């Protein structure tokens, strides 16, 4: 029982502290959907002209430390990121392709964001 309580406290403490910057949230999302092998849901819904991660970081502008969410907003982006964490929350844990498909189907605003260059009306 004590071990369970201690583990719960550690997990709760890990969630304390300032929230990650918008740029870090966006970068993490992109990193997760671009982990090799890339799921077909990504390649069939997102226009990729080169390396997945490099292309999307440049296209969205979220590689810049000053990046901030507009549309979709931060809360929407975080909600759409949740399915990508089901397989594990370690940054290099590849998401299950069914979870990626879930994101591509239910988060069309995020898919649009990923397909829209910053200069063409992106964030």
N, C-alpha and C. Protein backbone atom coordinates (compact mmCIF):
# COMPACT_ATOMS: atom_id res chain seq x y z
N UNK A 1 0.83 -1.19 0.00
CA UNK A 1 0.00 0.00 0.00
C UNK A 1 0.87 1.24 0.00
N UNK A 2 1.92 1.26 0.87
CA UNK A 2 2.80 2.43 0.91
C UNK A 2 3.48 2.65 -0.42
N UNK A 3 3.86 1.54 -1.09
CA UNK A 3 4.53 1.66 -2.38
C UNK A 3 3.61 2.30 -3.41
N UNK A 4 2.33 1.95 -3.40
CA UNK A 4 1.36 2.53 -4.33
C UNK A 4 1.18 4.02 -4.06
N UNK A 5 1.10 4.39 -2.79
CA UNK A 5 0.95 5.80 -2.45
C UNK A 5 2.17 6.59 -2.86
N UNK A 6 3.35 6.04 -2.64
CA UNK A 6 4.58 6.72 -3.03
C UNK A 6 4.64 6.88 -4.54
N UNK A 7 4.27 5.85 -5.28
CA UNK A 7 4.29 5.92 -6.74
C UNK A 7 3.30 6.98 -7.23
N UNK A 8 2.13 7.04 -6.60
CA UNK A 8 1.14 8.05 -6.97
C UNK A 8 1.65 9.46 -6.73
N UNK A 9 2.35 9.65 -5.62
CA UNK A 9 2.90 10.97 -5.32
C UNK A 9 3.96 11.36 -6.35
N UNK A 10 4.81 10.43 -6.74
CA UNK A 10 5.85 10.72 -7.73
C UNK A 10 5.21 11.11 -9.05
N UNK A 11 4.18 10.38 -9.47
CA UNK A 11 3.50 10.72 -10.72
C UNK A 11 2.84 12.09 -10.63
N UNK A 12 2.24 12.39 -9.50
CA UNK A 12 1.61 13.70 -9.33
C UNK A 12 2.65 14.81 -9.34
N UNK A 13 3.78 14.57 -8.70
CA UNK A 13 4.85 15.58 -8.66
C UNK A 13 5.43 15.82 -10.05
N UNK A 14 5.45 14.77 -10.87
CA UNK A 14 5.99 14.92 -12.23
C UNK A 14 5.15 15.86 -13.08
N UNK A 15 3.89 16.06 -12.71
CA UNK A 15 3.00 16.93 -13.46
C UNK A 15 3.08 18.37 -12.97
N UNK A 16 3.80 18.62 -11.90
CA UNK A 16 3.93 19.97 -11.37
C UNK A 16 4.98 20.74 -12.15
N UNK A 17 4.93 22.04 -12.02
CA UNK A 17 5.89 22.88 -12.70
C UNK A 17 5.20 23.63 -13.82
N UNK A 18 5.95 24.50 -14.47
CA UNK A 18 5.34 25.29 -15.54
C UNK A 18 4.98 24.43 -16.74
N UNK A 19 3.94 24.80 -17.45
CA UNK A 19 3.58 24.04 -18.65
C UNK A 19 4.67 24.18 -19.71
N UNK A 20 4.78 23.18 -20.55
CA UNK A 20 5.76 23.23 -21.65
C UNK A 20 5.38 24.37 -22.58
N UNK A 21 6.36 25.04 -23.17
CA UNK A 21 6.06 26.09 -24.14
C UNK A 21 5.29 25.51 -25.34
N UNK A 22 4.52 26.35 -26.01
CA UNK A 22 3.76 25.91 -27.18
C UNK A 22 4.67 25.25 -28.21
N UNK A 23 5.84 25.83 -28.43
CA UNK A 23 6.77 25.27 -29.42
C UNK A 23 7.13 23.83 -29.06
N UNK A 24 7.37 23.55 -27.80
CA UNK A 24 7.74 22.20 -27.37
C UNK A 24 6.58 21.22 -27.56
N UNK A 25 5.36 21.67 -27.29
CA UNK A 25 4.18 20.81 -27.47
C UNK A 25 4.02 20.46 -28.94
N UNK A 26 4.13 21.45 -29.79
CA UNK A 26 4.00 21.24 -31.23
C UNK A 26 5.11 20.34 -31.74
N UNK A 27 6.34 20.60 -31.33
CA UNK A 27 7.48 19.79 -31.76
C UNK A 27 7.31 18.34 -31.33
N UNK A 28 6.81 18.11 -30.12
CA UNK A 28 6.61 16.75 -29.63
C UNK A 28 5.55 16.03 -30.46
N UNK A 29 4.46 16.71 -30.77
CA UNK A 29 3.40 16.12 -31.59
C UNK A 29 3.97 15.69 -32.94
N UNK A 30 4.68 16.60 -33.58
CA UNK A 30 5.26 16.31 -34.89
C UNK A 30 6.26 15.16 -34.79
N UNK A 31 7.10 15.21 -33.78
CA UNK A 31 8.08 14.13 -33.60
C UNK A 31 7.39 12.77 -33.51
N UNK A 32 6.33 12.71 -32.73
CA UNK A 32 5.63 11.43 -32.51
C UNK A 32 5.00 10.90 -33.80
N UNK A 33 4.37 11.75 -34.60
CA UNK A 33 3.74 11.24 -35.82
C UNK A 33 4.77 10.93 -36.91
N UNK A 34 5.99 11.41 -36.73
CA UNK A 34 7.04 11.19 -37.73
C UNK A 34 8.03 10.09 -37.36
N UNK A 35 7.81 9.43 -36.22
CA UNK A 35 8.71 8.33 -35.84
C UNK A 35 8.59 7.21 -36.87
N UNK A 36 9.73 6.71 -37.28
CA UNK A 36 9.77 5.61 -38.26
C UNK A 36 9.36 4.30 -37.63
N UNK A 37 8.65 3.44 -38.31
CA UNK A 37 8.07 3.66 -39.63
C UNK A 37 6.83 4.56 -39.52
N UNK A 38 6.73 5.49 -40.43
CA UNK A 38 5.63 6.45 -40.41
C UNK A 38 4.34 5.73 -40.79
N UNK A 39 3.30 5.96 -40.02
CA UNK A 39 2.01 5.33 -40.27
C UNK A 39 1.40 5.84 -41.57
N UNK A 40 0.69 4.97 -42.25
CA UNK A 40 0.06 5.36 -43.51
C UNK A 40 -0.96 6.48 -43.31
N UNK A 41 -1.53 6.59 -42.13
CA UNK A 41 -2.47 7.68 -41.85
C UNK A 41 -1.79 9.04 -41.98
N UNK A 42 -0.50 9.10 -41.67
CA UNK A 42 0.24 10.35 -41.81
C UNK A 42 0.49 10.63 -43.29
N UNK A 43 1.02 9.66 -44.00
CA UNK A 43 1.37 9.90 -45.41
C UNK A 43 0.16 10.09 -46.30
N UNK A 44 -1.00 9.60 -45.88
CA UNK A 44 -2.20 9.78 -46.70
C UNK A 44 -2.97 11.05 -46.34
N UNK A 45 -2.64 11.69 -45.22
CA UNK A 45 -3.38 12.89 -44.80
C UNK A 45 -2.54 14.15 -44.75
N UNK A 46 -1.24 13.99 -44.71
CA UNK A 46 -0.35 15.15 -44.58
C UNK A 46 0.61 15.18 -45.77
N UNK A 47 0.73 16.33 -46.37
CA UNK A 47 1.61 16.50 -47.52
C UNK A 47 3.05 16.57 -47.02
N UNK A 48 3.85 15.61 -47.47
CA UNK A 48 5.26 15.58 -47.08
C UNK A 48 6.11 15.69 -48.34
N UNK A 49 7.03 16.64 -48.32
CA UNK A 49 7.89 16.86 -49.48
C UNK A 49 9.33 16.46 -49.21
N UNK A 50 9.58 15.92 -48.06
CA UNK A 50 10.92 15.49 -47.66
C UNK A 50 10.81 14.76 -46.34
N UNK A 51 11.84 14.88 -45.53
CA UNK A 51 11.82 14.28 -44.20
C UNK A 51 10.60 14.79 -43.43
N UNK A 52 9.83 13.89 -42.88
CA UNK A 52 8.58 14.22 -42.20
C UNK A 52 8.76 15.31 -41.14
N UNK A 53 9.64 15.07 -40.19
CA UNK A 53 9.79 16.00 -39.07
C UNK A 53 10.32 17.35 -39.52
N UNK A 54 11.33 17.35 -40.35
CA UNK A 54 11.92 18.60 -40.85
C UNK A 54 10.90 19.41 -41.63
N UNK A 55 10.16 18.73 -42.50
CA UNK A 55 9.14 19.40 -43.32
C UNK A 55 8.07 20.05 -42.46
N UNK A 56 7.55 19.29 -41.49
CA UNK A 56 6.44 19.81 -40.68
C UNK A 56 6.89 20.89 -39.70
N UNK A 57 8.09 20.77 -39.16
CA UNK A 57 8.60 21.83 -38.27
C UNK A 57 8.73 23.14 -39.04
N UNK A 58 9.25 23.07 -40.24
CA UNK A 58 9.41 24.28 -41.05
C UNK A 58 8.06 24.82 -41.51
N UNK A 59 7.18 23.94 -41.96
CA UNK A 59 5.89 24.37 -42.50
C UNK A 59 5.03 25.06 -41.45
N UNK A 60 5.04 24.54 -40.23
CA UNK A 60 4.17 25.07 -39.19
C UNK A 60 4.77 26.26 -38.44
N UNK A 61 6.09 26.38 -38.50
CA UNK A 61 6.76 27.44 -37.76
C UNK A 61 7.02 27.09 -36.31
N UNK A 62 6.67 25.89 -35.89
CA UNK A 62 6.83 25.57 -34.48
C UNK A 62 8.25 25.18 -34.10
N UNK A 63 9.17 25.24 -35.04
CA UNK A 63 10.58 25.03 -34.69
C UNK A 63 11.14 26.28 -33.99
N UNK A 64 10.46 27.40 -34.13
CA UNK A 64 10.90 28.65 -33.49
C UNK A 64 10.47 28.66 -32.03
N UNK A 65 11.37 29.07 -31.15
CA UNK A 65 11.05 29.15 -29.71
C UNK A 65 9.88 30.09 -29.44
N UNK A 66 9.67 31.06 -30.33
CA UNK A 66 8.62 32.06 -30.14
C UNK A 66 7.25 31.57 -30.62
N UNK A 67 7.16 30.36 -31.16
CA UNK A 67 5.90 29.83 -31.67
C UNK A 67 4.83 29.83 -30.58
N UNK A 68 3.63 30.28 -30.94
CA UNK A 68 2.47 30.18 -30.06
C UNK A 68 1.28 29.69 -30.88
N UNK A 69 0.43 28.90 -30.26
CA UNK A 69 -0.76 28.40 -30.93
C UNK A 69 -1.76 29.51 -31.15
N UNK A 70 -2.45 29.43 -32.28
CA UNK A 70 -3.59 30.30 -32.54
C UNK A 70 -4.77 29.40 -32.86
N UNK A 71 -4.81 28.89 -34.09
CA UNK A 71 -5.86 27.96 -34.50
C UNK A 71 -5.20 26.74 -35.13
N UNK A 72 -5.36 25.57 -34.59
CA UNK A 72 -6.08 25.25 -33.37
C UNK A 72 -5.36 25.80 -32.14
N UNK A 73 -6.11 25.99 -31.07
CA UNK A 73 -5.48 26.54 -29.87
C UNK A 73 -4.76 25.43 -29.10
N UNK A 74 -4.07 25.82 -28.07
CA UNK A 74 -3.24 24.89 -27.29
C UNK A 74 -4.07 23.73 -26.71
N UNK A 75 -5.22 24.02 -26.14
CA UNK A 75 -6.04 22.98 -25.54
C UNK A 75 -6.48 21.94 -26.58
N UNK A 76 -6.85 22.41 -27.75
CA UNK A 76 -7.26 21.49 -28.83
C UNK A 76 -6.08 20.62 -29.25
N UNK A 77 -4.91 21.24 -29.40
CA UNK A 77 -3.72 20.51 -29.81
C UNK A 77 -3.37 19.44 -28.77
N UNK A 78 -3.44 19.81 -27.49
CA UNK A 78 -3.15 18.85 -26.42
C UNK A 78 -4.16 17.70 -26.43
N UNK A 79 -5.42 18.00 -26.65
CA UNK A 79 -6.44 16.95 -26.70
C UNK A 79 -6.18 16.00 -27.87
N UNK A 80 -5.78 16.54 -29.00
CA UNK A 80 -5.50 15.71 -30.17
C UNK A 80 -4.21 14.92 -30.00
N UNK A 81 -3.34 15.36 -29.14
CA UNK A 81 -2.07 14.67 -28.88
C UNK A 81 -2.26 13.44 -27.99
N UNK A 82 -3.29 13.42 -27.18
CA UNK A 82 -3.51 12.34 -26.22
C UNK A 82 -3.47 10.93 -26.83
N UNK A 83 -4.14 10.67 -27.96
CA UNK A 83 -4.07 9.32 -28.52
C UNK A 83 -2.63 8.89 -28.87
N UNK A 84 -1.79 9.85 -29.18
CA UNK A 84 -0.40 9.53 -29.54
C UNK A 84 0.40 9.04 -28.34
N UNK A 85 -0.13 9.25 -27.13
CA UNK A 85 0.56 8.85 -25.91
C UNK A 85 0.10 7.50 -25.37
N UNK A 86 -0.90 6.91 -26.00
CA UNK A 86 -1.45 5.65 -25.49
C UNK A 86 -0.41 4.53 -25.46
N UNK A 87 0.50 4.50 -26.44
CA UNK A 87 1.52 3.44 -26.50
C UNK A 87 2.64 3.69 -25.50
N UNK A 88 2.71 4.89 -24.96
CA UNK A 88 3.74 5.25 -23.99
C UNK A 88 4.07 6.71 -24.12
N UNK A 89 4.48 7.33 -23.01
CA UNK A 89 4.73 8.77 -23.05
C UNK A 89 6.20 9.13 -23.26
N UNK A 90 7.08 8.14 -23.37
CA UNK A 90 8.49 8.43 -23.68
C UNK A 90 8.55 9.04 -25.08
N UNK A 91 9.34 10.08 -25.27
CA UNK A 91 9.36 10.80 -26.56
C UNK A 91 9.64 9.94 -27.79
N UNK A 92 10.39 8.87 -27.65
CA UNK A 92 10.72 8.05 -28.82
C UNK A 92 9.91 6.77 -28.92
N UNK A 93 8.81 6.70 -28.15
CA UNK A 93 7.91 5.56 -28.26
C UNK A 93 6.97 5.80 -29.43
N UNK A 94 7.04 4.96 -30.46
CA UNK A 94 6.16 5.19 -31.61
C UNK A 94 4.70 4.97 -31.24
N UNK A 95 3.83 5.84 -31.70
CA UNK A 95 2.41 5.64 -31.43
C UNK A 95 1.87 4.47 -32.25
N UNK A 96 0.81 3.87 -31.77
CA UNK A 96 0.13 2.82 -32.52
C UNK A 96 -0.53 3.48 -33.73
N UNK A 97 -0.44 2.84 -34.89
CA UNK A 97 -1.01 3.44 -36.11
C UNK A 97 -2.52 3.63 -36.03
N UNK A 98 -3.21 2.80 -35.26
CA UNK A 98 -4.65 3.00 -35.08
C UNK A 98 -4.90 4.31 -34.32
N UNK A 99 -4.03 4.63 -33.38
CA UNK A 99 -4.16 5.89 -32.63
C UNK A 99 -3.85 7.08 -33.53
N UNK A 100 -2.87 6.94 -34.40
CA UNK A 100 -2.55 8.01 -35.35
C UNK A 100 -3.74 8.22 -36.29
N UNK A 101 -4.35 7.13 -36.75
CA UNK A 101 -5.54 7.24 -37.60
C UNK A 101 -6.66 7.96 -36.86
N UNK A 102 -6.81 7.67 -35.58
CA UNK A 102 -7.81 8.34 -34.75
C UNK A 102 -7.58 9.85 -34.76
N UNK A 103 -6.34 10.26 -34.60
CA UNK A 103 -6.00 11.70 -34.62
C UNK A 103 -6.33 12.29 -35.98
N UNK A 104 -5.94 11.62 -37.05
CA UNK A 104 -6.15 12.15 -38.40
C UNK A 104 -7.64 12.26 -38.75
N UNK A 105 -8.44 11.40 -38.15
CA UNK A 105 -9.88 11.38 -38.41
C UNK A 105 -10.63 12.40 -37.57
N UNK A 106 -10.26 12.52 -36.29
CA UNK A 106 -11.03 13.36 -35.37
C UNK A 106 -10.46 14.77 -35.20
N UNK A 107 -9.26 15.00 -35.69
CA UNK A 107 -8.61 16.31 -35.50
C UNK A 107 -8.28 16.95 -36.84
N UNK A 108 -9.31 17.14 -37.65
CA UNK A 108 -9.09 17.69 -38.99
C UNK A 108 -8.50 19.10 -38.94
N UNK A 109 -8.79 19.84 -37.88
CA UNK A 109 -8.21 21.18 -37.75
C UNK A 109 -6.70 21.09 -37.54
N UNK A 110 -6.23 20.08 -36.83
CA UNK A 110 -4.80 19.89 -36.62
C UNK A 110 -4.15 19.42 -37.92
N UNK A 111 -4.82 18.54 -38.65
CA UNK A 111 -4.31 18.08 -39.95
C UNK A 111 -4.18 19.29 -40.88
N UNK A 112 -5.18 20.15 -40.89
CA UNK A 112 -5.12 21.36 -41.72
C UNK A 112 -3.95 22.24 -41.31
N UNK A 113 -3.75 22.40 -40.01
CA UNK A 113 -2.61 23.17 -39.48
C UNK A 113 -1.30 22.59 -39.99
N UNK A 114 -1.17 21.27 -39.97
CA UNK A 114 0.07 20.63 -40.40
C UNK A 114 0.29 20.73 -41.90
N UNK A 115 -0.78 20.95 -42.65
CA UNK A 115 -0.69 21.07 -44.10
C UNK A 115 -0.59 22.49 -44.62
N UNK A 116 -0.71 23.48 -43.73
CA UNK A 116 -0.74 24.88 -44.13
C UNK A 116 0.56 25.59 -43.78
N UNK A 117 1.31 26.01 -44.80
CA UNK A 117 2.55 26.75 -44.50
C UNK A 117 2.26 28.05 -43.75
N UNK A 118 3.15 28.44 -42.87
CA UNK A 118 2.98 29.66 -42.08
C UNK A 118 2.69 30.85 -42.97
N UNK A 119 3.38 31.00 -44.08
CA UNK A 119 3.20 32.14 -44.97
C UNK A 119 1.85 32.13 -45.66
N UNK A 120 1.16 30.97 -45.69
CA UNK A 120 -0.13 30.85 -46.37
C UNK A 120 -1.30 30.87 -45.40
N UNK A 121 -1.10 31.46 -44.25
CA UNK A 121 -2.18 31.56 -43.29
C UNK A 121 -2.05 30.63 -42.11
N UNK A 122 -0.92 29.96 -42.00
CA UNK A 122 -0.67 29.13 -40.83
C UNK A 122 -0.51 30.03 -39.61
N UNK A 123 -0.08 29.48 -38.50
CA UNK A 123 0.01 30.27 -37.27
C UNK A 123 0.93 31.45 -37.37
